[in-house]
Amino acid sequence: MRIGDVADKTGVSRRLLRYYEEQGLLRPTRLPNGYRQYSESDVVAVRHIRALLAAGLPTSVIAQLLHCVHDDGEQLVPSACPGMINHLRRERDRITDAITQLQGSQRALDAWLTSLAT
């Protein structure tokens, strides 16, 4: 199937599909005319990529872990792959740090709003 078909099936723009290819997340075959040819497994991979992005993982980590996940029809399920736990813990720590920083920013804004309201 062509890129427009994958975009329609997944709700992901053509531009993002090209980006996923640039990041090594998708590897469509190329036809002699240069067009990308996608398979049904690429559609599944896009769904997995979207789920991993929603979990907060950057594409560089997704590229290393994409082959370690599958779905059971309802949700994405990780498989035990070498390094997966370390990657997930590192990303969880990064997200925890970001949340802590955002909470500090929120407290500062709350203080300013409180001082302005009085």
PDB file of N, CA and C in Angstrom:
ATOM      1  N   MET A   1       0.845  -1.175   0.000  1.00  0.00           N
ATOM      2  CA  MET A   1       0.000   0.000   0.000  1.00  0.00           C
ATOM      3  C   MET A   1       0.886   1.233   0.000  1.00  0.00           C
ATOM      4  N   ARG A   2       0.334   2.326  -0.448  1.00  0.00           N
ATOM      5  CA  ARG A   2       1.094   3.570  -0.566  1.00  0.00           C
ATOM      6  C   ARG A   2       0.972   4.386   0.709  1.00  0.00           C
ATOM      7  N   ILE A   3       1.759   5.431   0.799  1.00  0.00           N
ATOM      8  CA  ILE A   3       1.842   6.230   2.012  1.00  0.00           C
ATOM      9  C   ILE A   3       0.494   6.839   2.399  1.00  0.00           C
ATOM     10  N   GLY A   4      -0.298   7.242   1.433  1.00  0.00           N
ATOM     11  CA  GLY A   4      -1.617   7.802   1.723  1.00  0.00           C
ATOM     12  C   GLY A   4      -2.549   6.784   2.355  1.00  0.00           C
ATOM     13  N   ASP A   5      -2.417   5.537   1.935  1.00  0.00           N
ATOM     14  CA  ASP A   5      -3.231   4.468   2.520  1.00  0.00           C
ATOM     15  C   ASP A   5      -2.865   4.256   3.989  1.00  0.00           C
ATOM     16  N   VAL A   6      -1.569   4.269   4.271  1.00  0.00           N
ATOM     17  CA  VAL A   6      -1.113   4.092   5.655  1.00  0.00           C
ATOM     18  C   VAL A   6      -1.557   5.281   6.497  1.00  0.00           C
ATOM     19  N   ALA A   7      -1.462   6.465   5.936  1.00  0.00           N
ATOM     20  CA  ALA A   7      -1.911   7.656   6.657  1.00  0.00           C
ATOM     21  C   ALA A   7      -3.399   7.551   6.989  1.00  0.00           C
ATOM     22  N   ASP A   8      -4.188   7.100   6.042  1.00  0.00           N
ATOM     23  CA  ASP A   8      -5.629   6.948   6.271  1.00  0.00           C
ATOM     24  C   ASP A   8      -5.915   5.886   7.331  1.00  0.00           C
ATOM     25  N   LYS A   9      -5.215   4.771   7.268  1.00  0.00           N
ATOM     26  CA  LYS A   9      -5.465   3.669   8.200  1.00  0.00           C
ATOM     27  C   LYS A   9      -5.033   3.986   9.627  1.00  0.00           C
ATOM     28  N   THR A  10      -4.003   4.806   9.767  1.00  0.00           N
ATOM     29  CA  THR A  10      -3.426   5.049  11.094  1.00  0.00           C
ATOM     30  C   THR A  10      -3.769   6.423  11.664  1.00  0.00           C
ATOM     31  N   GLY A  11      -4.206   7.344  10.804  1.00  0.00           N
ATOM     32  CA  GLY A  11      -4.457   8.703  11.273  1.00  0.00           C
ATOM     33  C   GLY A  11      -3.185   9.510  11.460  1.00  0.00           C
ATOM     34  N   VAL A  12      -2.080   9.002  10.947  1.00  0.00           N
ATOM     35  CA  VAL A  12      -0.783   9.673  11.046  1.00  0.00           C
ATOM     36  C   VAL A  12      -0.489  10.336   9.708  1.00  0.00           C
ATOM     37  N   SER A  13      -0.034  11.563   9.758  1.00  0.00           N
ATOM     38  CA  SER A  13       0.207  12.302   8.517  1.00  0.00           C
ATOM     39  C   SER A  13       1.341  11.676   7.702  1.00  0.00           C
ATOM     40  N   ARG A  14       1.323  11.961   6.423  1.00  0.00           N
ATOM     41  CA  ARG A  14       2.388  11.483   5.530  1.00  0.00           C
ATOM     42  C   ARG A  14       3.739  12.011   5.984  1.00  0.00           C
ATOM     43  N   ARG A  15       3.733  13.242   6.443  1.00  0.00           N
ATOM     44  CA  ARG A  15       4.984  13.858   6.897  1.00  0.00           C
ATOM     45  C   ARG A  15       5.561  13.074   8.077  1.00  0.00           C
ATOM     46  N   LEU A  16       4.705  12.697   9.037  1.00  0.00           N
ATOM     47  CA  LEU A  16       5.179  11.906  10.177  1.00  0.00           C
ATOM     48  C   LEU A  16       5.648  10.527   9.749  1.00  0.00           C
ATOM     49  N   LEU A  17       4.972   9.927   8.798  1.00  0.00           N
ATOM     50  CA  LEU A  17       5.407   8.620   8.301  1.00  0.00           C
ATOM     51  C   LEU A  17       6.801   8.718   7.692  1.00  0.00           C
ATOM     52  N   ARG A  18       7.059   9.798   6.967  1.00  0.00           N
ATOM     53  CA  ARG A  18       8.404  10.002   6.396  1.00  0.00           C
ATOM     54  C   ARG A  18       9.428  10.200   7.515  1.00  0.00           C
ATOM     55  N   TYR A  19       9.019  10.944   8.551  1.00  0.00           N
ATOM     56  CA  TYR A  19       9.904  11.173   9.700  1.00  0.00           C
ATOM     57  C   TYR A  19      10.228   9.847  10.387  1.00  0.00           C
ATOM     58  N   TYR A  20       9.225   9.004  10.575  1.00  0.00           N
ATOM     59  CA  TYR A  20       9.468   7.701  11.189  1.00  0.00           C
ATOM     60  C   TYR A  20      10.461   6.888  10.350  1.00  0.00           C
ATOM     61  N   GLU A  21      10.350   7.014   9.047  1.00  0.00           N
ATOM     62  CA  GLU A  21      11.303   6.326   8.172  1.00  0.00           C
ATOM     63  C   GLU A  21      12.706   6.903   8.362  1.00  0.00           C
ATOM     64  N   GLU A  22      12.817   8.226   8.430  1.00  0.00           N
ATOM     65  CA  GLU A  22      14.122   8.869   8.644  1.00  0.00           C
ATOM     66  C   GLU A  22      14.753   8.420   9.957  1.00  0.00           C
ATOM     67  N   GLN A  23      13.918   8.191  10.959  1.00  0.00           N
ATOM     68  CA  GLN A  23      14.401   7.770  12.276  1.00  0.00           C
ATOM     69  C   GLN A  23      14.681   6.269  12.349  1.00  0.00           C
ATOM     70  N   GLY A  24      14.431   5.545  11.275  1.00  0.00           N
ATOM     71  CA  GLY A  24      14.675   4.112  11.228  1.00  0.00           C
ATOM     72  C   GLY A  24      13.578   3.283  11.873  1.00  0.00           C
ATOM     73  N   LEU A  25      12.422   3.898  12.121  1.00  0.00           N
ATOM     74  CA  LEU A  25      11.314   3.185  12.749  1.00  0.00           C
ATOM     75  C   LEU A  25      10.496   2.394  11.737  1.00  0.00           C
ATOM     76  N   LEU A  26      10.446   2.871  10.521  1.00  0.00           N
ATOM     77  CA  LEU A  26       9.751   2.195   9.421  1.00  0.00           C
ATOM     78  C   LEU A  26      10.731   1.990   8.285  1.00  0.00           C
ATOM     79  N   ARG A  27      10.555   0.884   7.584  1.00  0.00           N
ATOM     80  CA  ARG A  27      11.427   0.591   6.441  1.00  0.00           C
ATOM     81  C   ARG A  27      10.596   0.099   5.265  1.00  0.00           C
ATOM     82  N   PRO A  28       9.824   1.009   4.665  1.00  0.00           N
ATOM     83  CA  PRO A  28       9.039   0.567   3.509  1.00  0.00           C
ATOM     84  C   PRO A  28       9.969   0.240   2.342  1.00  0.00           C
ATOM     85  N   THR A  29       9.507  -0.638   1.490  1.00  0.00           N
ATOM     86  CA  THR A  29      10.295  -0.927   0.293  1.00  0.00           C
ATOM     87  C   THR A  29      10.073   0.210  -0.701  1.00  0.00           C
ATOM     88  N   ARG A  30      10.989   0.348  -1.609  1.00  0.00           N
ATOM     89  CA  ARG A  30      10.878   1.379  -2.641  1.00  0.00           C
ATOM     90  C   ARG A  30      10.605   0.704  -3.976  1.00  0.00           C
ATOM     91  N   LEU A  31       9.611   1.223  -4.654  1.00  0.00           N
ATOM     92  CA  LEU A  31       9.295   0.735  -5.997  1.00  0.00           C
ATOM     93  C   LEU A  31      10.273   1.355  -6.989  1.00  0.00           C
ATOM     94  N   PRO A  32      10.374   0.814  -8.179  1.00  0.00           N
ATOM     95  CA  PRO A  32      11.298   1.380  -9.178  1.00  0.00           C
ATOM     96  C   PRO A  32      11.048   2.868  -9.447  1.00  0.00           C
ATOM     97  N   ASN A  33       9.800   3.318  -9.283  1.00  0.00           N
ATOM     98  CA  ASN A  33       9.505   4.736  -9.511  1.00  0.00           C
ATOM     99  C   ASN A  33       9.810   5.600  -8.283  1.00  0.00           C
ATOM    100  N   GLY A  34      10.338   4.988  -7.207  1.00  0.00           N
ATOM    101  CA  GLY A  34      10.716   5.728  -6.009  1.00  0.00           C
ATOM    102  C   GLY A  34       9.629   5.809  -4.951  1.00  0.00           C
ATOM    103  N   TYR A  35       8.426   5.372  -5.293  1.00  0.00           N
ATOM    104  CA  TYR A  35       7.337   5.418  -4.319  1.00  0.00           C
ATOM    105  C   TYR A  35       7.601   4.410  -3.205  1.00  0.00           C
ATOM    106  N   ARG A  36       7.132   4.763  -2.024  1.00  0.00           N
ATOM    107  CA  ARG A  36       7.227   3.854  -0.885  1.00  0.00           C
ATOM    108  C   ARG A  36       6.103   2.826  -0.976  1.00  0.00           C
ATOM    109  N   GLN A  37       6.446   1.587  -0.642  1.00  0.00           N
ATOM    110  CA  GLN A  37       5.456   0.518  -0.601  1.00  0.00           C
ATOM    111  C   GLN A  37       5.413  -0.016   0.827  1.00  0.00           C
ATOM    112  N   TYR A  38       4.268   0.166   1.484  1.00  0.00           N
ATOM    113  CA  TYR A  38       4.100  -0.267   2.862  1.00  0.00           C
ATOM    114  C   TYR A  38       3.323  -1.573   2.913  1.00  0.00           C
ATOM    115  N   SER A  39       3.529  -2.301   3.997  1.00  0.00           N
ATOM    116  CA  SER A  39       2.793  -3.548   4.220  1.00  0.00           C
ATOM    117  C   SER A  39       1.881  -3.375   5.433  1.00  0.00           C
ATOM    118  N   GLU A  40       1.064  -4.370   5.675  1.00  0.00           N
ATOM    119  CA  GLU A  40       0.186  -4.335   6.851  1.00  0.00           C
ATOM    120  C   GLU A  40       1.006  -4.308   8.134  1.00  0.00           C
ATOM    121  N   SER A  41       2.190  -4.920   8.120  1.00  0.00           N
ATOM    122  CA  SER A  41       3.044  -4.890   9.316  1.00  0.00           C
ATOM    123  C   SER A  41       3.529  -3.472   9.604  1.00  0.00           C
ATOM    124  N   ASP A  42       3.660  -2.641   8.577  1.00  0.00           N
ATOM    125  CA  ASP A  42       4.024  -1.238   8.800  1.00  0.00           C
ATOM    126  C   ASP A  42       2.892  -0.495   9.502  1.00  0.00           C
ATOM    127  N   VAL A  43       1.655  -0.827   9.153  1.00  0.00           N
ATOM    128  CA  VAL A  43       0.498  -0.209   9.810  1.00  0.00           C
ATOM    129  C   VAL A  43       0.521  -0.560  11.297  1.00  0.00           C
ATOM    130  N   VAL A  44       0.791  -1.809  11.602  1.00  0.00           N
ATOM    131  CA  VAL A  44       0.882  -2.250  12.997  1.00  0.00           C
ATOM    132  C   VAL A  44       2.037  -1.525  13.689  1.00  0.00           C
ATOM    133  N   ALA A  45       3.174  -1.415  13.011  1.00  0.00           N
ATOM    134  CA  ALA A  45       4.332  -0.729  13.593  1.00  0.00           C
ATOM    135  C   ALA A  45       4.004   0.724  13.913  1.00  0.00           C
ATOM    136  N   VAL A  46       3.263   1.393  13.046  1.00  0.00           N
ATOM    137  CA  VAL A  46       2.881   2.789  13.310  1.00  0.00           C
ATOM    138  C   VAL A  46       2.027   2.865  14.572  1.00  0.00           C
ATOM    139  N   ARG A  47       1.118   1.944  14.740  1.00  0.00           N
ATOM    140  CA  ARG A  47       0.295   1.928  15.964  1.00  0.00           C
ATOM    141  C   ARG A  47       1.169   1.725  17.196  1.00  0.00           C
ATOM    142  N   HIS A  48       2.156   0.863  17.096  1.00  0.00           N
ATOM    143  CA  HIS A  48       3.074   0.640  18.209  1.00  0.00           C
ATOM    144  C   HIS A  48       3.894   1.901  18.483  1.00  0.00           C
ATOM    145  N   ILE A  49       4.378   2.526  17.435  1.00  0.00           N
ATOM    146  CA  ILE A  49       5.161   3.761  17.588  1.00  0.00           C
ATOM    147  C   ILE A  49       4.332   4.815  18.310  1.00  0.00           C
ATOM    148  N   ARG A  50       3.090   4.972  17.899  1.00  0.00           N
ATOM    149  CA  ARG A  50       2.214   5.973  18.515  1.00  0.00           C
ATOM    150  C   ARG A  50       1.998   5.682  20.003  1.00  0.00           C
ATOM    151  N   ALA A  51       1.834   4.413  20.345  1.00  0.00           N
ATOM    152  CA  ALA A  51       1.641   4.037  21.752  1.00  0.00           C
ATOM    153  C   ALA A  51       2.902   4.314  22.570  1.00  0.00           C
ATOM    154  N   LEU A  52       4.050   4.024  22.008  1.00  0.00           N
ATOM    155  CA  LEU A  52       5.312   4.274  22.707  1.00  0.00           C
ATOM    156  C   LEU A  52       5.580   5.772  22.846  1.00  0.00           C
ATOM    157  N   LEU A  53       5.237   6.544  21.827  1.00  0.00           N
ATOM    158  CA  LEU A  53       5.357   8.000  21.932  1.00  0.00           C
ATOM    159  C   LEU A  53       4.432   8.537  23.013  1.00  0.00           C
ATOM    160  N   ALA A  54       3.222   8.003  23.086  1.00  0.00           N
ATOM    161  CA  ALA A  54       2.258   8.440  24.104  1.00  0.00           C
ATOM    162  C   ALA A  54       2.760   8.113  25.507  1.00  0.00           C
ATOM    163  N   ALA A  55       3.594   7.082  25.633  1.00  0.00           N
ATOM    164  CA  ALA A  55       4.180   6.732  26.926  1.00  0.00           C
ATOM    165  C   ALA A  55       5.351   7.645  27.278  1.00  0.00           C
ATOM    166  N   GLY A  56       5.706   8.546  26.360  1.00  0.00           N
ATOM    167  CA  GLY A  56       6.769   9.505  26.635  1.00  0.00           C
ATOM    168  C   GLY A  56       8.135   9.113  26.138  1.00  0.00           C
ATOM    169  N   LEU A  57       8.224   8.040  25.370  1.00  0.00           N
ATOM    170  CA  LEU A  57       9.529   7.610  24.872  1.00  0.00           C
ATOM    171  C   LEU A  57       9.925   8.403  23.634  1.00  0.00           C
ATOM    172  N   PRO A  58      11.172   8.833  23.543  1.00  0.00           N
ATOM    173  CA  PRO A  58      11.647   9.508  22.330  1.00  0.00           C
ATOM    174  C   PRO A  58      11.890   8.491  21.211  1.00  0.00           C
ATOM    175  N   THR A  59      11.903   8.969  19.992  1.00  0.00           N
ATOM    176  CA  THR A  59      12.064   8.056  18.849  1.00  0.00           C
ATOM    177  C   THR A  59      13.384   7.293  18.893  1.00  0.00           C
ATOM    178  N   SER A  60      14.425   7.883  19.480  1.00  0.00           N
ATOM    179  CA  SER A  60      15.707   7.168  19.558  1.00  0.00           C
ATOM    180  C   SER A  60      15.583   5.911  20.415  1.00  0.00           C
ATOM    181  N   VAL A  61      14.799   5.978  21.476  1.00  0.00           N
ATOM    182  CA  VAL A  61      14.576   4.811  22.327  1.00  0.00           C
ATOM    183  C   VAL A  61      13.601   3.851  21.643  1.00  0.00           C
ATOM    184  N   ILE A  62      12.582   4.408  21.010  1.00  0.00           N
ATOM    185  CA  ILE A  62      11.611   3.565  20.302  1.00  0.00           C
ATOM    186  C   ILE A  62      12.311   2.726  19.240  1.00  0.00           C
ATOM    187  N   ALA A  63      13.277   3.303  18.557  1.00  0.00           N
ATOM    188  CA  ALA A  63      14.011   2.561  17.523  1.00  0.00           C
ATOM    189  C   ALA A  63      14.687   1.327  18.111  1.00  0.00           C
ATOM    190  N   GLN A  64      15.106   1.409  19.362  1.00  0.00           N
ATOM    191  CA  GLN A  64      15.779   0.285  19.998  1.00  0.00           C
ATOM    192  C   GLN A  64      14.805  -0.723  20.598  1.00  0.00           C
ATOM    193  N   LEU A  65      13.580  -0.281  20.883  1.00  0.00           N
ATOM    194  CA  LEU A  65      12.624  -1.144  21.582  1.00  0.00           C
ATOM    195  C   LEU A  65      11.448  -1.614  20.735  1.00  0.00           C
ATOM    196  N   LEU A  66      11.287  -1.068  19.565  1.00  0.00           N
ATOM    197  CA  LEU A  66      10.099  -1.362  18.755  1.00  0.00           C
ATOM    198  C   LEU A  66       9.921  -2.857  18.512  1.00  0.00           C
ATOM    199  N   HIS A  67      11.017  -3.553  18.270  1.00  0.00           N
ATOM    200  CA  HIS A  67      10.932  -4.991  18.014  1.00  0.00           C
ATOM    201  C   HIS A  67      10.604  -5.793  19.278  1.00  0.00           C
ATOM    202  N   CYS A  68      10.581  -5.119  20.427  1.00  0.00           N
ATOM    203  CA  CYS A  68      10.337  -5.795  21.707  1.00  0.00           C
ATOM    204  C   CYS A  68       8.883  -5.691  22.163  1.00  0.00           C
ATOM    205  N   VAL A  69       8.013  -5.178  21.329  1.00  0.00           N
ATOM    206  CA  VAL A  69       6.609  -5.039  21.726  1.00  0.00           C
ATOM    207  C   VAL A  69       5.705  -5.710  20.695  1.00  0.00           C
ATOM    208  N   HIS A  70       4.550  -6.137  21.167  1.00  0.00           N
ATOM    209  CA  HIS A  70       3.505  -6.671  20.294  1.00  0.00           C
ATOM    210  C   HIS A  70       2.183  -6.311  20.945  1.00  0.00           C
ATOM    211  N   ASP A  71       1.111  -6.499  20.241  1.00  0.00           N
ATOM    212  CA  ASP A  71      -0.174  -6.232  20.884  1.00  0.00           C
ATOM    213  C   ASP A  71      -0.959  -7.524  20.997  1.00  0.00           C
ATOM    214  N   ASP A  72      -1.794  -7.541  22.008  1.00  0.00           N
ATOM    215  CA  ASP A  72      -2.616  -8.725  22.240  1.00  0.00           C
ATOM    216  C   ASP A  72      -4.048  -8.497  21.774  1.00  0.00           C
ATOM    217  N   GLY A  73      -4.217  -7.519  20.911  1.00  0.00           N
ATOM    218  CA  GLY A  73      -5.538  -7.171  20.414  1.00  0.00           C
ATOM    219  C   GLY A  73      -6.163  -6.025  21.179  1.00  0.00           C
ATOM    220  N   GLU A  74      -5.734  -5.832  22.403  1.00  0.00           N
ATOM    221  CA  GLU A  74      -6.284  -4.775  23.247  1.00  0.00           C
ATOM    222  C   GLU A  74      -5.248  -3.708  23.579  1.00  0.00           C
ATOM    223  N   GLN A  75      -4.049  -4.148  23.910  1.00  0.00           N
ATOM    224  CA  GLN A  75      -3.023  -3.208  24.351  1.00  0.00           C
ATOM    225  C   GLN A  75      -1.640  -3.668  23.918  1.00  0.00           C
ATOM    226  N   LEU A  76      -0.698  -2.760  24.042  1.00  0.00           N
ATOM    227  CA  LEU A  76       0.688  -3.057  23.706  1.00  0.00           C
ATOM    228  C   LEU A  76       1.318  -3.839  24.857  1.00  0.00           C
ATOM    229  N   VAL A  77       2.031  -4.907  24.521  1.00  0.00           N
ATOM    230  CA  VAL A  77       2.637  -5.775  25.523  1.00  0.00           C
ATOM    231  C   VAL A  77       4.140  -5.843  25.259  1.00  0.00           C
ATOM    232  N   PRO A  78       4.952  -5.520  26.276  1.00  0.00           N
ATOM    233  CA  PRO A  78       6.401  -5.627  26.077  1.00  0.00           C
ATOM    234  C   PRO A  78       6.875  -7.058  26.214  1.00  0.00           C
ATOM    235  N   SER A  79       7.913  -7.380  25.481  1.00  0.00           N
ATOM    236  CA  SER A  79       8.598  -8.665  25.614  1.00  0.00           C
ATOM    237  C   SER A  79       9.914  -8.396  26.331  1.00  0.00           C
ATOM    238  N   ALA A  80      10.445  -9.404  26.948  1.00  0.00           N
ATOM    239  CA  ALA A  80      11.724  -9.245  27.640  1.00  0.00           C
ATOM    240  C   ALA A  80      12.856  -9.205  26.615  1.00  0.00           C
ATOM    241  N   CYS A  81      13.342  -8.027  26.338  1.00  0.00           N
ATOM    242  CA  CYS A  81      14.471  -7.850  25.425  1.00  0.00           C
ATOM    243  C   CYS A  81      15.654  -7.309  26.222  1.00  0.00           C
ATOM    244  N   PRO A  82      16.860  -7.643  25.816  1.00  0.00           N
ATOM    245  CA  PRO A  82      18.033  -7.118  26.517  1.00  0.00           C
ATOM    246  C   PRO A  82      18.013  -5.583  26.536  1.00  0.00           C
ATOM    247  N   GLY A  83      18.207  -5.027  27.696  1.00  0.00           N
ATOM    248  CA  GLY A  83      18.290  -3.578  27.830  1.00  0.00           C
ATOM    249  C   GLY A  83      16.958  -2.867  27.972  1.00  0.00           C
ATOM    250  N   MET A  84      15.864  -3.573  27.762  1.00  0.00           N
ATOM    251  CA  MET A  84      14.562  -2.897  27.787  1.00  0.00           C
ATOM    252  C   MET A  84      14.262  -2.290  29.153  1.00  0.00           C
ATOM    253  N   ILE A  85      14.503  -3.029  30.206  1.00  0.00           N
ATOM    254  CA  ILE A  85      14.215  -2.512  31.541  1.00  0.00           C
ATOM    255  C   ILE A  85      15.045  -1.266  31.813  1.00  0.00           C
ATOM    256  N   ASN A  86      16.308  -1.287  31.442  1.00  0.00           N
ATOM    257  CA  ASN A  86      17.163  -0.110  31.655  1.00  0.00           C
ATOM    258  C   ASN A  86      16.655   1.094  30.877  1.00  0.00           C
ATOM    259  N   HIS A  87      16.267   0.875  29.618  1.00  0.00           N
ATOM    260  CA  HIS A  87      15.727   1.973  28.807  1.00  0.00           C
ATOM    261  C   HIS A  87      14.470   2.551  29.446  1.00  0.00           C
ATOM    262  N   LEU A  88      13.565   1.678  29.861  1.00  0.00           N
ATOM    263  CA  LEU A  88      12.306   2.146  30.435  1.00  0.00           C
ATOM    264  C   LEU A  88      12.530   2.862  31.764  1.00  0.00           C
ATOM    265  N   ARG A  89      13.418   2.358  32.582  1.00  0.00           N
ATOM    266  CA  ARG A  89      13.714   3.036  33.860  1.00  0.00           C
ATOM    267  C   ARG A  89      14.351   4.406  33.623  1.00  0.00           C
ATOM    268  N   ARG A  90      15.266   4.464  32.685  1.00  0.00           N
ATOM    269  CA  ARG A  90      15.928   5.740  32.376  1.00  0.00           C
ATOM    270  C   ARG A  90      14.910   6.768  31.878  1.00  0.00           C
ATOM    271  N   GLU A  91      14.003   6.333  31.013  1.00  0.00           N
ATOM    272  CA  GLU A  91      12.987   7.258  30.503  1.00  0.00           C
ATOM    273  C   GLU A  91      11.992   7.651  31.595  1.00  0.00           C
ATOM    274  N   ARG A  92      11.661   6.706  32.465  1.00  0.00           N
ATOM    275  CA  ARG A  92      10.766   7.030  33.581  1.00  0.00           C
ATOM    276  C   ARG A  92      11.428   8.052  34.501  1.00  0.00           C
ATOM    277  N   ASP A  93      12.717   7.894  34.775  1.00  0.00           N
ATOM    278  CA  ASP A  93      13.443   8.863  35.603  1.00  0.00           C
ATOM    279  C   ASP A  93      13.470  10.238  34.938  1.00  0.00           C
ATOM    280  N   ARG A  94      13.662  10.246  33.628  1.00  0.00           N
ATOM    281  CA  ARG A  94      13.681  11.524  32.890  1.00  0.00           C
ATOM    282  C   ARG A  94      12.322  12.208  33.004  1.00  0.00           C
ATOM    283  N   ILE A  95      11.255  11.450  32.866  1.00  0.00           N
ATOM    284  CA  ILE A  95       9.903  12.016  32.962  1.00  0.00           C
ATOM    285  C   ILE A  95       9.634  12.491  34.391  1.00  0.00           C
ATOM    286  N   THR A  96      10.064  11.719  35.381  1.00  0.00           N
ATOM    287  CA  THR A  96       9.895  12.130  36.777  1.00  0.00           C
ATOM    288  C   THR A  96      10.604  13.450  37.038  1.00  0.00           C
ATOM    289  N   ASP A  97      11.824  13.606  36.523  1.00  0.00           N
ATOM    290  CA  ASP A  97      12.558  14.873  36.674  1.00  0.00           C
ATOM    291  C   ASP A  97      11.810  16.026  36.011  1.00  0.00           C
ATOM    292  N   ALA A  98      11.266  15.790  34.838  1.00  0.00           N
ATOM    293  CA  ALA A  98      10.513  16.834  34.133  1.00  0.00           C
ATOM    294  C   ALA A  98       9.268  17.234  34.923  1.00  0.00           C
ATOM    295  N   ILE A  99       8.588  16.251  35.499  1.00  0.00           N
ATOM    296  CA  ILE A  99       7.398  16.542  36.309  1.00  0.00           C
ATOM    297  C   ILE A  99       7.786  17.383  37.517  1.00  0.00           C
ATOM    298  N   THR A 100       8.882  17.035  38.166  1.00  0.00           N
ATOM    299  CA  THR A 100       9.355  17.787  39.331  1.00  0.00           C
ATOM    300  C   THR A 100       9.647  19.233  38.948  1.00  0.00           C
ATOM    301  N   GLN A 101      10.303  19.428  37.829  1.00  0.00           N
ATOM    302  CA  GLN A 101      10.598  20.791  37.370  1.00  0.00           C
ATOM    303  C   GLN A 101       9.317  21.550  37.057  1.00  0.00           C
ATOM    304  N   LEU A 102       8.374  20.897  36.406  1.00  0.00           N
ATOM    305  CA  LEU A 102       7.104  21.554  36.092  1.00  0.00           C
ATOM    306  C   LEU A 102       6.318  21.900  37.355  1.00  0.00           C
ATOM    307  N   GLN A 103       6.369  21.041  38.355  1.00  0.00           N
ATOM    308  CA  GLN A 103       5.689  21.339  39.611  1.00  0.00           C
ATOM    309  C   GLN A 103       6.310  22.548  40.296  1.00  0.00           C
ATOM    310  N   GLY A 104       7.623  22.680  40.205  1.00  0.00           N
ATOM    311  CA  GLY A 104       8.299  23.866  40.743  1.00  0.00           C
ATOM    312  C   GLY A 104       7.850  25.119  40.012  1.00  0.00           C
ATOM    313  N   SER A 105       7.735  25.030  38.709  1.00  0.00           N
ATOM    314  CA  SER A 105       7.248  26.170  37.915  1.00  0.00           C
ATOM    315  C   SER A 105       5.811  26.503  38.291  1.00  0.00           C
ATOM    316  N   GLN A 106       5.012  25.484  38.484  1.00  0.00           N
ATOM    317  CA  GLN A 106       3.614  25.691  38.865  1.00  0.00           C
ATOM    318  C   GLN A 106       3.527  26.394  40.224  1.00  0.00           C
ATOM    319  N   ARG A 107       4.331  25.983  41.186  1.00  0.00           N
ATOM    320  CA  ARG A 107       4.329  26.626  42.501  1.00  0.00           C
ATOM    321  C   ARG A 107       4.729  28.093  42.389  1.00  0.00           C
ATOM    322  N   ALA A 108       5.740  28.377  41.555  1.00  0.00           N
ATOM    323  CA  ALA A 108       6.170  29.772  41.378  1.00  0.00           C
ATOM    324  C   ALA A 108       5.052  30.611  40.772  1.00  0.00           C
ATOM    325  N   LEU A 109       4.397  30.085  39.759  1.00  0.00           N
ATOM    326  CA  LEU A 109       3.284  30.819  39.141  1.00  0.00           C
ATOM    327  C   LEU A 109       2.130  31.005  40.108  1.00  0.00           C
ATOM    328  N   ASP A 110       1.835  29.962  40.902  1.00  0.00           N
ATOM    329  CA  ASP A 110       0.774  30.073  41.901  1.00  0.00           C
ATOM    330  C   ASP A 110       1.095  31.175  42.904  1.00  0.00           C
ATOM    331  N   ALA A 111       2.344  31.257  43.327  1.00  0.00           N
ATOM    332  CA  ALA A 111       2.757  32.290  44.281  1.00  0.00           C
ATOM    333  C   ALA A 111       2.588  33.673  43.661  1.00  0.00           C
ATOM    334  N   TRP A 112       2.976  33.824  42.420  1.00  0.00           N
ATOM    335  CA  TRP A 112       2.832  35.130  41.768  1.00  0.00           C
ATOM    336  C   TRP A 112       1.364  35.493  41.604  1.00  0.00           C
ATOM    337  N   LEU A 113       0.563  34.530  41.210  1.00  0.00           N
ATOM    338  CA  LEU A 113      -0.868  34.789  41.059  1.00  0.00           C
ATOM    339  C   LEU A 113      -1.506  35.171  42.389  1.00  0.00           C
ATOM    340  N   THR A 114      -1.090  34.485  43.447  1.00  0.00           N
ATOM    341  CA  THR A 114      -1.621  34.786  44.778  1.00  0.00           C
ATOM    342  C   THR A 114      -1.236  36.203  45.194  1.00  0.00           C
ATOM    343  N   SER A 115       0.023  36.571  44.935  1.00  0.00           N
ATOM    344  CA  SER A 115       0.473  37.913  45.336  1.00  0.00           C
ATOM    345  C   SER A 115      -0.228  38.995  44.507  1.00  0.00           C
ATOM    346  N   LEU A 116      -0.577  38.695  43.274  1.00  0.00           N
ATOM    347  CA  LEU A 116      -1.254  39.674  42.424  1.00  0.00           C
ATOM    348  C   LEU A 116      -2.735  39.791  42.764  1.00  0.00           C
ATOM    349  N   ALA A 117      -3.316  38.742  43.290  1.00  0.00           N
ATOM    350  CA  ALA A 117      -4.745  38.726  43.600  1.00  0.00           C
ATOM    351  C   ALA A 117      -5.051  39.460  44.901  1.00  0.00           C
ATOM    352  N   THR A 118      -4.031  39.740  45.693  1.00  0.00           N
ATOM    353  CA  THR A 118      -4.306  40.416  46.968  1.00  0.00           C
ATOM    354  C   THR A 118      -4.120  41.888  46.894  1.00  0.00           C
TER     355      THR A 118
END
